[in-house]
């Protein structure tokens, strides 16, 4: 039983997520009481042991800014819960998804590495290991971002919301391709109309990266991929393009014909994503392909001439242990991709896995941490270094997702979406555009509807939604 009473609702987000990080399986009762005399009262009773944490109003009054007050409150709760539970959190009081932004800001202010590390450990209570990782990645991100024009540059996300099947852990906008085959051409027609609008209105800006994701873009047939890539190339100037990624994703959607169609265009990077190389896990989570098909798809991509291939993995999948991760990494090292992205399993609210937890037992924090360590060693074995990082709510072990890449094979789009340095205009069903103003100090979002039928029938409305925001950015 955990009860949380707080005077000011604007403080509750961080407090709630720190409590949930320590006790992910417990329900937290929340109450906003603006009239109570105490600023915060938190009562935790787990296995009949009680912990009460209180914060008086005068304690917070000792700090000037709201940010300082929040951090004081977060540190107080963190330390009390750490003592009560006997465990610590690797990322300390950080609850946001972009921890490297803090280190990046300090680097831009020309702080020394030692001072940054001390601040991360003392102010945010990070572990030494995570503080070092955050700084290391921020430095690599900064070097990559220096090639971009923040003022006039932008990126494009193109969403293909279809998949062979829906994975148990997935909460993205995704629909089974077999049920939608007869409407894919209609979808592409609407998508191309949105592409044409953005291309026309942004002619004076510099397109730096394109990311075609989903869903699984390679659920499209070869001629449909050709149609999409041709329209993009005819609509936008590629003079300032640094990277074009196509997320091939599911091995069971990849064919030689599709790879050859993609190779006709200046696509610089693709993903072939196994998530795990353990067949029993693939079967359990609804990925209807074999580990052998993963290897075949990877080799087909190499034979087609792709020299920057990423592979996504997930640590903490149901039923897996560090031994499973070792088998997966052994297989990945043998394939030697150019980059590997390692995700800690996130139990998303809408995912089938989260709604049926009793059917899908997952590893505890210590085991997931060991799995992350194994993946780190495997990435180093193929000469890939960490270059971007992000976190999610309800992530296994309260850990992180890390992208590793060989030098020159970093995914620039991945860095941009984390560091929020320039606009990312998202097209397609479920697309969420992020318009960046004043050097990143203000961000506006423009959302497309998720439902494919609505997207097709309301495409003019989707374009109109973008118009006002894009015109302000221009």
Protein backbone atom coordinates (compact mmCIF):
# COMPACT_ATOMS: atom_id res chain seq x y z
CA UNK A 1 0.00 0.00 0.00
CA UNK A 2 1.40 3.41 -1.00
CA UNK A 3 -0.41 6.69 -0.34
CA UNK A 4 0.75 10.04 -1.67
CA UNK A 5 -0.80 13.36 -0.62
CA UNK A 6 0.62 16.57 -2.05
CA UNK A 7 -0.36 20.22 -1.97
CA UNK A 8 0.69 21.25 -5.50
CA UNK A 9 -0.23 18.94 -8.41
CA UNK A 10 2.59 20.33 -10.58
CA UNK A 11 5.09 18.48 -8.33
CA UNK A 12 3.40 15.09 -8.47
CA UNK A 13 4.83 13.75 -11.75
CA UNK A 14 8.44 13.34 -10.59
CA UNK A 15 7.45 12.13 -7.13
CA UNK A 16 5.08 9.49 -8.54
CA UNK A 17 7.65 8.13 -11.00
CA UNK A 18 10.43 7.96 -8.39
CA UNK A 19 8.11 5.96 -6.13
CA UNK A 20 7.14 3.67 -9.04
CA UNK A 21 10.81 3.17 -9.93
CA UNK A 22 11.42 1.75 -6.46
CA UNK A 23 8.11 -0.19 -6.32
CA UNK A 24 7.04 -0.91 -9.93
CA UNK A 25 4.43 -3.51 -8.99
CA UNK A 26 2.68 -1.48 -6.27
CA UNK A 27 -0.37 0.77 -6.76
CA UNK A 28 0.17 4.38 -5.70
CA UNK A 29 -2.93 6.21 -4.41
CA UNK A 30 -2.61 9.90 -5.23
CA UNK A 31 -4.42 12.84 -3.66
CA UNK A 32 -4.06 16.55 -4.36
CA UNK A 33 -5.00 18.56 -1.26
CA UNK A 34 -4.32 22.27 -1.66
CA UNK A 35 -5.58 23.00 1.88
CA UNK A 36 -3.37 20.57 3.80
CA UNK A 37 -0.75 22.03 6.13
CA UNK A 38 2.02 19.70 5.02
CA UNK A 39 3.42 20.13 1.49
CA UNK A 40 3.85 16.37 0.97
CA UNK A 41 3.02 13.21 2.87
CA UNK A 42 4.08 9.83 1.51
CA UNK A 43 3.30 6.57 3.30
CA UNK A 44 4.74 3.30 2.03
CA UNK A 45 3.81 -0.08 3.47
CA UNK A 46 5.38 -3.03 1.66
CA UNK A 47 5.53 -6.43 3.36
CA UNK A 48 4.18 -4.80 6.55
CA UNK A 49 7.15 -2.44 6.86
CA UNK A 50 6.08 1.20 7.03
CA UNK A 51 7.94 4.26 5.80
CA UNK A 52 6.54 7.78 6.24
CA UNK A 53 8.07 10.75 4.44
CA UNK A 54 6.90 14.29 5.06
CA UNK A 55 8.01 17.61 3.61
CA UNK A 56 6.95 20.87 5.24
CA UNK A 57 6.22 23.99 3.23
CA UNK A 58 9.05 25.88 4.92
CA UNK A 59 11.56 23.28 3.67
CA UNK A 60 10.78 24.18 0.06
CA UNK A 61 10.66 27.89 0.81
CA UNK A 62 14.42 27.74 1.39
CA UNK A 63 14.84 27.38 -2.41
CA UNK A 64 14.21 30.15 -4.93
CA UNK A 65 13.15 28.46 -8.17
CA UNK A 66 10.57 25.78 -8.79
CA UNK A 67 13.27 23.60 -10.38
CA UNK A 68 15.36 23.79 -7.19
CA UNK A 69 12.31 23.01 -5.05
CA UNK A 70 11.47 19.97 -7.19
CA UNK A 71 15.00 18.64 -7.04
CA UNK A 72 15.13 19.05 -3.27
CA UNK A 73 11.87 17.15 -2.89
CA UNK A 74 12.98 14.42 -5.31
CA UNK A 75 16.29 13.93 -3.50
CA UNK A 76 14.58 13.74 -0.11
CA UNK A 77 12.12 11.09 -1.30
CA UNK A 78 14.81 9.16 -3.18
CA UNK A 79 17.14 8.95 -0.17
CA UNK A 80 14.35 7.86 2.18
CA UNK A 81 13.10 5.18 -0.21
CA UNK A 82 16.64 3.98 -0.91
CA UNK A 83 17.23 3.49 2.82
CA UNK A 84 13.81 1.84 3.26
CA UNK A 85 14.13 -0.54 0.29
CA UNK A 86 17.87 -1.19 0.48
CA UNK A 87 18.33 -0.45 -3.23
CA UNK A 88 19.38 2.47 -5.41
CA UNK A 89 18.40 3.63 -8.89
CA UNK A 90 21.15 3.88 -11.48
CA UNK A 91 19.70 7.11 -12.89
CA UNK A 92 18.99 8.63 -9.49
CA UNK A 93 16.10 11.11 -9.42
CA UNK A 94 15.89 11.44 -13.20
CA UNK A 95 12.44 10.51 -14.50
CA UNK A 96 12.63 12.03 -18.00
CA UNK A 97 13.45 10.15 -21.18
CA UNK A 98 16.42 12.29 -22.26
CA UNK A 99 19.13 12.20 -19.56
CA UNK A 100 21.89 13.07 -22.05
CA UNK A 101 20.29 16.49 -22.65
CA UNK A 102 21.52 17.52 -19.19
CA UNK A 103 25.11 16.53 -19.96
CA UNK A 104 24.83 18.08 -23.44
CA UNK A 105 23.79 21.44 -21.98
CA UNK A 106 26.76 21.38 -19.60
CA UNK A 107 29.14 20.54 -22.47
CA UNK A 108 27.72 23.44 -24.48
CA UNK A 109 28.41 25.67 -21.47
CA UNK A 110 32.02 24.40 -21.65
CA UNK A 111 32.00 22.75 -18.25
CA UNK A 112 34.84 20.32 -17.60
CA UNK A 113 34.08 16.58 -17.62
CA UNK A 114 34.92 16.20 -13.91
CA UNK A 115 32.55 19.02 -12.95
CA UNK A 116 29.75 17.56 -15.09
CA UNK A 117 30.18 14.14 -13.51
CA UNK A 118 30.19 15.59 -10.00
CA UNK A 119 26.99 17.54 -10.75
CA UNK A 120 25.22 14.50 -12.18
CA UNK A 121 26.12 12.39 -9.15
CA UNK A 122 25.49 15.00 -6.44
CA UNK A 123 22.55 16.93 -7.86
CA UNK A 124 20.76 14.11 -9.66
CA UNK A 125 22.09 11.16 -7.57
CA UNK A 126 23.16 9.19 -10.67
CA UNK A 127 25.51 6.27 -10.27
CA UNK A 128 29.10 6.88 -11.36
CA UNK A 129 28.65 4.36 -14.20
CA UNK A 130 25.57 6.12 -15.65
CA UNK A 131 27.09 9.57 -15.21
CA UNK A 132 30.13 8.47 -17.22
CA UNK A 133 27.92 6.87 -19.87
CA UNK A 134 25.78 10.00 -20.17
CA UNK A 135 28.82 12.24 -20.65
CA UNK A 136 30.45 9.84 -23.13
CA UNK A 137 27.31 9.72 -25.27
CA UNK A 138 26.67 13.46 -25.04
CA UNK A 139 30.18 14.12 -26.36
CA UNK A 140 29.61 11.81 -29.34
CA UNK A 141 26.20 13.35 -30.00
CA UNK A 142 27.67 16.84 -29.89
CA UNK A 143 30.31 15.91 -32.48
CA UNK A 144 27.61 14.53 -34.80
CA UNK A 145 25.29 17.51 -34.38
CA UNK A 146 27.99 20.03 -35.23
CA UNK A 147 27.53 19.17 -38.92
CA UNK A 148 23.95 20.50 -38.90
CA UNK A 149 22.28 23.87 -39.39
CA UNK A 150 19.88 24.21 -36.47
CA UNK A 151 18.30 27.37 -37.84
CA UNK A 152 17.30 26.15 -41.30
CA UNK A 153 17.72 22.37 -41.06
CA UNK A 154 14.95 19.85 -40.39
CA UNK A 155 14.21 16.13 -40.54
CA UNK A 156 11.35 14.07 -41.91
CA UNK A 157 9.65 11.01 -40.39
CA UNK A 158 7.50 8.94 -42.76
CA UNK A 159 5.24 6.41 -41.04
CA UNK A 160 4.07 3.11 -42.55
CA UNK A 161 1.60 1.78 -39.96
CA UNK A 162 1.47 -1.87 -41.08
CA UNK A 163 3.16 -5.00 -39.69
CA UNK A 164 3.09 -8.75 -40.45
CA UNK A 165 1.70 -9.29 -36.92
CA UNK A 166 1.53 -7.23 -33.72
CA UNK A 167 4.24 -8.09 -31.17
CA UNK A 168 3.09 -8.60 -27.57
CA UNK A 169 5.23 -5.70 -26.27
CA UNK A 170 4.24 -3.20 -29.00
CA UNK A 171 2.13 -0.06 -28.47
CA UNK A 172 3.01 1.77 -31.70
CA UNK A 173 0.47 2.62 -34.39
CA UNK A 174 0.44 -0.69 -36.26
CA UNK A 175 -2.12 -2.71 -38.18
CA UNK A 176 -1.85 -6.28 -39.60
CA UNK A 177 -0.95 -5.97 -43.28
CA UNK A 178 -3.14 -8.90 -44.37
CA UNK A 179 -6.26 -7.09 -43.18
CA UNK A 180 -5.24 -3.83 -44.91
CA UNK A 181 -3.72 -5.00 -48.21
CA UNK A 182 -6.63 -3.65 -50.26
CA UNK A 183 -6.21 -0.15 -48.77
CA UNK A 184 -2.43 0.29 -48.87
CA UNK A 185 -2.61 2.14 -52.21
CA UNK A 186 -5.19 4.54 -50.75
CA UNK A 187 -2.92 5.08 -47.75
CA UNK A 188 0.08 5.82 -49.98
CA UNK A 189 -2.05 8.26 -51.98
CA UNK A 190 -2.91 10.24 -48.84
CA UNK A 191 0.67 10.02 -47.59
CA UNK A 192 2.06 11.32 -50.88
CA UNK A 193 -0.38 14.24 -50.71
CA UNK A 194 0.97 15.14 -47.24
CA UNK A 195 4.56 14.71 -48.50
CA UNK A 196 3.83 17.08 -51.41
CA UNK A 197 2.46 19.75 -49.06
CA UNK A 198 5.49 19.67 -46.75
CA UNK A 199 7.89 19.63 -49.70
CA UNK A 200 6.20 22.64 -51.26
CA UNK A 201 6.02 24.77 -48.11
CA UNK A 202 9.59 24.02 -46.90
CA UNK A 203 11.57 24.64 -50.10
CA UNK A 204 13.72 27.32 -48.42
CA UNK A 205 14.77 24.97 -45.60
CA UNK A 206 17.44 22.24 -45.57
CA UNK A 207 16.31 18.62 -45.27
CA UNK A 208 19.01 16.76 -43.29
CA UNK A 209 17.59 13.31 -42.52
CA UNK A 210 14.67 11.09 -43.53
CA UNK A 211 13.52 8.19 -41.37
CA UNK A 212 10.95 5.77 -42.83
CA UNK A 213 9.56 3.83 -39.88
CA UNK A 214 6.34 2.33 -38.59
CA UNK A 215 5.06 -0.30 -38.21
CA UNK A 216 7.23 -2.10 -40.72
CA UNK A 217 7.88 -0.20 -43.97
CA UNK A 218 8.90 -3.38 -45.78
CA UNK A 219 5.36 -4.72 -45.47
CA UNK A 220 4.92 -2.59 -48.62
CA UNK A 221 5.48 -4.43 -51.88
CA UNK A 222 8.55 -3.56 -53.98
CA UNK A 223 6.56 -1.38 -56.38
CA UNK A 224 4.94 0.43 -53.45
CA UNK A 225 8.35 1.11 -51.88
CA UNK A 226 9.46 2.42 -55.26
CA UNK A 227 6.39 4.69 -55.44
CA UNK A 228 7.05 6.14 -51.99
CA UNK A 229 10.81 6.63 -52.43
CA UNK A 230 10.35 8.11 -55.90
CA UNK A 231 7.82 10.64 -54.59
CA UNK A 232 10.14 11.67 -51.76
CA UNK A 233 13.08 12.11 -54.16
CA UNK A 234 11.01 14.13 -56.63
CA UNK A 235 9.52 16.33 -53.88
CA UNK A 236 12.56 17.27 -51.79
CA UNK A 237 16.05 18.52 -52.54
CA UNK A 238 18.61 15.99 -51.29
CA UNK A 239 21.44 18.49 -51.53
CA UNK A 240 21.75 18.78 -47.73
CA UNK A 241 20.76 15.18 -46.91
CA UNK A 242 23.09 13.44 -44.42
CA UNK A 243 21.11 10.23 -43.91
CA UNK A 244 18.10 8.25 -45.18
CA UNK A 245 16.97 5.29 -43.06
CA UNK A 246 14.45 2.60 -43.97
CA UNK A 247 13.44 0.44 -41.03
CA UNK A 248 13.10 -2.97 -42.67
CA UNK A 249 12.41 -4.30 -39.19
CA UNK A 250 10.74 -7.69 -39.38
CA UNK A 251 12.80 -10.31 -41.23
CA UNK A 252 9.57 -11.96 -42.41
CA UNK A 253 8.79 -8.83 -44.45
CA UNK A 254 12.15 -8.68 -46.29
CA UNK A 255 12.69 -10.02 -49.81
CA UNK A 256 15.48 -9.57 -52.37
CA UNK A 257 13.08 -7.70 -54.62
CA UNK A 258 12.25 -5.18 -51.89
CA UNK A 259 15.91 -4.69 -50.96
CA UNK A 260 16.77 -4.11 -54.62
CA UNK A 261 13.95 -1.56 -54.90
CA UNK A 262 15.31 0.35 -51.89
CA UNK A 263 18.86 0.22 -53.29
CA UNK A 264 17.73 2.20 -56.34
CA UNK A 265 17.58 5.25 -54.05
CA UNK A 266 20.18 6.99 -51.85
CA UNK A 267 19.15 5.10 -48.71
CA UNK A 268 22.15 5.08 -46.39
CA UNK A 269 20.93 2.92 -43.49
CA UNK A 270 18.47 0.09 -42.84
CA UNK A 271 17.41 -1.94 -39.82
CA UNK A 272 16.92 -5.70 -39.61
CA UNK A 273 15.48 -6.25 -36.14
CA UNK A 274 15.44 -9.68 -34.45
CA UNK A 275 14.79 -8.37 -30.86
CA UNK A 276 16.11 -11.76 -29.66
CA UNK A 277 17.85 -14.75 -31.24
CA UNK A 278 16.01 -17.26 -29.04
CA UNK A 279 13.27 -19.02 -31.00
CA UNK A 280 11.06 -19.83 -28.03
CA UNK A 281 10.90 -16.12 -27.14
CA UNK A 282 10.09 -15.09 -30.71
CA UNK A 283 7.20 -17.55 -30.69
CA UNK A 284 5.97 -16.30 -27.30
CA UNK A 285 5.89 -12.60 -28.23
CA UNK A 286 4.17 -13.12 -31.57
CA UNK A 287 7.03 -12.54 -34.01
CA UNK A 288 6.26 -15.14 -36.66
CA UNK A 289 9.73 -15.62 -38.04
CA UNK A 290 12.69 -17.81 -37.17
CA UNK A 291 16.19 -16.97 -36.06
CA UNK A 292 17.39 -18.49 -39.32
CA UNK A 293 15.23 -15.98 -41.24
CA UNK A 294 16.96 -13.17 -39.33
CA UNK A 295 20.33 -14.39 -40.57
CA UNK A 296 19.03 -14.85 -44.12
CA UNK A 297 17.56 -11.34 -44.20
CA UNK A 298 20.79 -9.85 -42.89
CA UNK A 299 22.91 -11.64 -45.48
CA UNK A 300 20.50 -10.65 -48.27
CA UNK A 301 20.86 -7.01 -47.20
CA UNK A 302 24.66 -7.28 -47.27
CA UNK A 303 24.55 -8.94 -50.70
CA UNK A 304 22.28 -6.12 -51.93
CA UNK A 305 25.04 -3.66 -51.00
CA UNK A 306 23.83 -2.14 -47.71
CA UNK A 307 26.89 -1.17 -45.70
CA UNK A 308 25.14 0.37 -42.69
CA UNK A 309 22.80 -2.19 -41.13
CA UNK A 310 21.33 -1.76 -37.66
CA UNK A 311 19.85 -4.53 -35.49
CA UNK A 312 17.44 -3.89 -32.59
CA UNK A 313 17.44 -6.08 -29.47
CA UNK A 314 15.32 -6.08 -26.30
CA UNK A 315 16.67 -6.93 -22.84
CA UNK A 316 14.13 -8.36 -20.40
CA UNK A 317 11.72 -10.11 -22.75
CA UNK A 318 9.36 -12.60 -21.04
CA UNK A 319 11.09 -15.74 -19.85
CA UNK A 320 14.58 -14.57 -20.80
CA UNK A 321 17.66 -14.50 -18.58
CA UNK A 322 21.22 -13.37 -19.03
CA UNK A 323 21.96 -16.76 -20.64
CA UNK A 324 19.42 -15.98 -23.37
CA UNK A 325 21.01 -12.58 -23.92
CA UNK A 326 24.44 -14.20 -24.21
CA UNK A 327 23.12 -16.52 -26.94
CA UNK A 328 21.58 -13.56 -28.73
CA UNK A 329 24.77 -11.50 -28.57
CA UNK A 330 26.91 -14.43 -29.74
CA UNK A 331 24.70 -14.65 -32.85
CA UNK A 332 24.78 -10.87 -33.39
CA UNK A 333 28.57 -10.74 -33.09
CA UNK A 334 28.81 -13.47 -35.74
CA UNK A 335 26.68 -11.35 -38.11
CA UNK A 336 28.67 -8.19 -37.27
CA UNK A 337 26.10 -5.46 -38.00
CA UNK A 338 27.26 -1.85 -38.19
CA UNK A 339 25.10 -0.71 -35.29
CA UNK A 340 23.07 -2.33 -32.52
CA UNK A 341 20.29 -0.69 -30.53
CA UNK A 342 19.61 -2.37 -27.18
CA UNK A 343 16.26 -1.60 -25.57
CA UNK A 344 15.29 -2.44 -22.01
CA UNK A 345 11.76 -3.84 -22.16
CA UNK A 346 9.16 -1.13 -21.49
CA UNK A 347 5.74 -2.29 -20.30
CA UNK A 348 3.58 0.14 -22.30
CA UNK A 349 0.01 0.60 -21.08
CA UNK A 350 -1.60 -0.38 -24.41
CA UNK A 351 0.64 -3.38 -25.10
CA UNK A 352 -0.83 -6.90 -24.89
CA UNK A 353 2.10 -7.96 -22.71
CA UNK A 354 1.30 -5.29 -20.11
CA UNK A 355 -2.40 -6.10 -20.07
CA UNK A 356 -1.66 -9.80 -19.53
CA UNK A 357 1.33 -9.70 -17.20
CA UNK A 358 0.46 -12.96 -15.48
CA UNK A 359 1.09 -14.79 -18.77
CA UNK A 360 4.44 -13.11 -19.39
CA UNK A 361 6.84 -13.29 -16.42
CA UNK A 362 9.74 -10.88 -16.90
CA UNK A 363 13.16 -10.69 -15.27
CA UNK A 364 13.91 -8.52 -12.25
CA UNK A 365 16.10 -5.41 -12.27
CA UNK A 366 19.36 -7.17 -11.39
CA UNK A 367 18.95 -9.76 -14.16
CA UNK A 368 18.07 -7.09 -16.75
CA UNK A 369 21.14 -5.14 -15.66
CA UNK A 370 23.28 -8.23 -16.30
CA UNK A 371 21.68 -8.57 -19.73
CA UNK A 372 22.50 -4.93 -20.50
CA UNK A 373 26.11 -5.61 -19.49
CA UNK A 374 26.30 -8.61 -21.85
CA UNK A 375 24.90 -6.53 -24.72
CA UNK A 376 27.46 -3.80 -24.00
CA UNK A 377 30.33 -6.28 -24.24
CA UNK A 378 28.89 -7.72 -27.44
CA UNK A 379 28.62 -4.28 -29.02
CA UNK A 380 32.24 -3.52 -28.15
CA UNK A 381 33.24 -6.86 -29.76
CA UNK A 382 32.02 -5.56 -33.14
CA UNK A 383 33.81 -2.23 -32.51
CA UNK A 384 30.56 -0.35 -31.88
CA UNK A 385 30.51 2.42 -29.27
CA UNK A 386 27.49 3.99 -27.49
CA UNK A 387 26.32 7.09 -29.35
CA UNK A 388 22.73 7.79 -28.23
CA UNK A 389 20.55 6.95 -25.26
CA UNK A 390 17.00 7.40 -24.06
CA UNK A 391 14.73 6.11 -21.35
CA UNK A 392 11.02 5.25 -21.17
CA UNK A 393 8.32 5.04 -18.53
CA UNK A 394 7.88 1.60 -16.96
CA UNK A 395 11.21 0.43 -18.38
CA UNK A 396 12.71 -2.83 -17.11
CA UNK A 397 15.07 -2.27 -14.19
CA UNK A 398 14.55 1.50 -14.50
CA UNK A 399 17.42 1.32 -17.00
CA UNK A 400 17.84 2.71 -20.53
CA UNK A 401 17.96 2.10 -24.26
CA UNK A 402 21.38 2.55 -25.88
CA UNK A 403 22.39 2.77 -29.52
CA UNK A 404 25.88 1.48 -30.39
CA UNK A 405 27.55 2.13 -33.74
CA UNK A 406 30.85 1.75 -35.52
CA UNK A 407 32.50 5.05 -36.33
CA UNK A 408 30.70 6.66 -39.26
CA UNK A 409 27.59 4.49 -38.88
CA UNK A 410 25.78 6.51 -36.19
CA UNK A 411 22.07 7.15 -36.75
CA UNK A 412 21.85 10.94 -36.93
CA UNK A 413 18.04 10.93 -36.81
CA UNK A 414 18.17 9.02 -33.51
CA UNK A 415 20.34 11.73 -31.99
CA UNK A 416 18.11 14.51 -33.33
CA UNK A 417 14.91 13.04 -31.89
CA UNK A 418 16.55 12.86 -28.45
CA UNK A 419 18.35 16.21 -28.37
CA UNK A 420 15.52 18.26 -29.96
CA UNK A 421 17.82 20.64 -31.84
CA UNK A 422 15.74 21.01 -35.02
CA UNK A 423 12.18 20.31 -36.20
CA UNK A 424 11.12 16.78 -37.10
CA UNK A 425 8.05 16.79 -39.34
CA UNK A 426 6.16 13.50 -39.09
CA UNK A 427 3.95 12.27 -41.91
CA UNK A 428 1.46 9.41 -41.97
CA UNK A 429 -1.04 7.87 -39.56
CA UNK A 430 0.06 8.40 -35.96
CA UNK A 431 2.78 10.89 -36.95
CA UNK A 432 3.73 13.37 -34.22
CA UNK A 433 5.59 16.39 -35.59
CA UNK A 434 7.93 18.25 -33.26
CA UNK A 435 8.52 21.91 -34.17
CA UNK A 436 11.51 23.47 -32.43
CA UNK A 437 11.68 27.22 -31.76
CA UNK A 438 14.19 29.55 -30.07
CA UNK A 439 17.08 27.08 -30.16
CA UNK A 440 15.10 24.33 -28.45
CA UNK A 441 13.64 26.48 -25.66
CA UNK A 442 10.11 26.02 -27.03
CA UNK A 443 8.66 22.94 -28.72
CA UNK A 444 5.24 22.55 -30.33
CA UNK A 445 3.72 19.21 -31.34
CA UNK A 446 1.32 18.59 -34.20
CA UNK A 447 -0.42 15.22 -34.15
CA UNK A 448 -1.90 13.17 -36.97
CA UNK A 449 -4.77 10.78 -36.24
CA UNK A 450 -3.67 7.18 -35.62
CA UNK A 451 -6.51 5.36 -37.34
CA UNK A 452 -5.65 4.57 -40.98
CA UNK A 453 -9.21 5.04 -42.27
CA UNK A 454 -9.48 8.42 -40.56
CA UNK A 455 -6.06 9.44 -41.85
CA UNK A 456 -7.07 8.66 -45.44
CA UNK A 457 -10.47 10.37 -45.25
CA UNK A 458 -9.21 13.39 -43.28
CA UNK A 459 -5.90 14.00 -45.07
CA UNK A 460 -6.80 17.62 -45.85
CA UNK A 461 -7.37 18.18 -42.13
CA UNK A 462 -3.98 16.61 -41.32
CA UNK A 463 -2.35 19.04 -43.74
CA UNK A 464 -4.26 21.95 -42.26
CA UNK A 465 -3.15 20.95 -38.74
CA UNK A 466 0.46 21.28 -39.87
CA UNK A 467 0.02 24.53 -41.74
CA UNK A 468 -0.10 26.96 -38.80
CA UNK A 469 2.81 25.39 -36.92
CA UNK A 470 5.05 25.03 -39.97
CA UNK A 471 4.33 28.59 -41.09
CA UNK A 472 5.40 29.89 -37.66
CA UNK A 473 8.63 27.87 -37.94
CA UNK A 474 9.28 29.20 -41.47
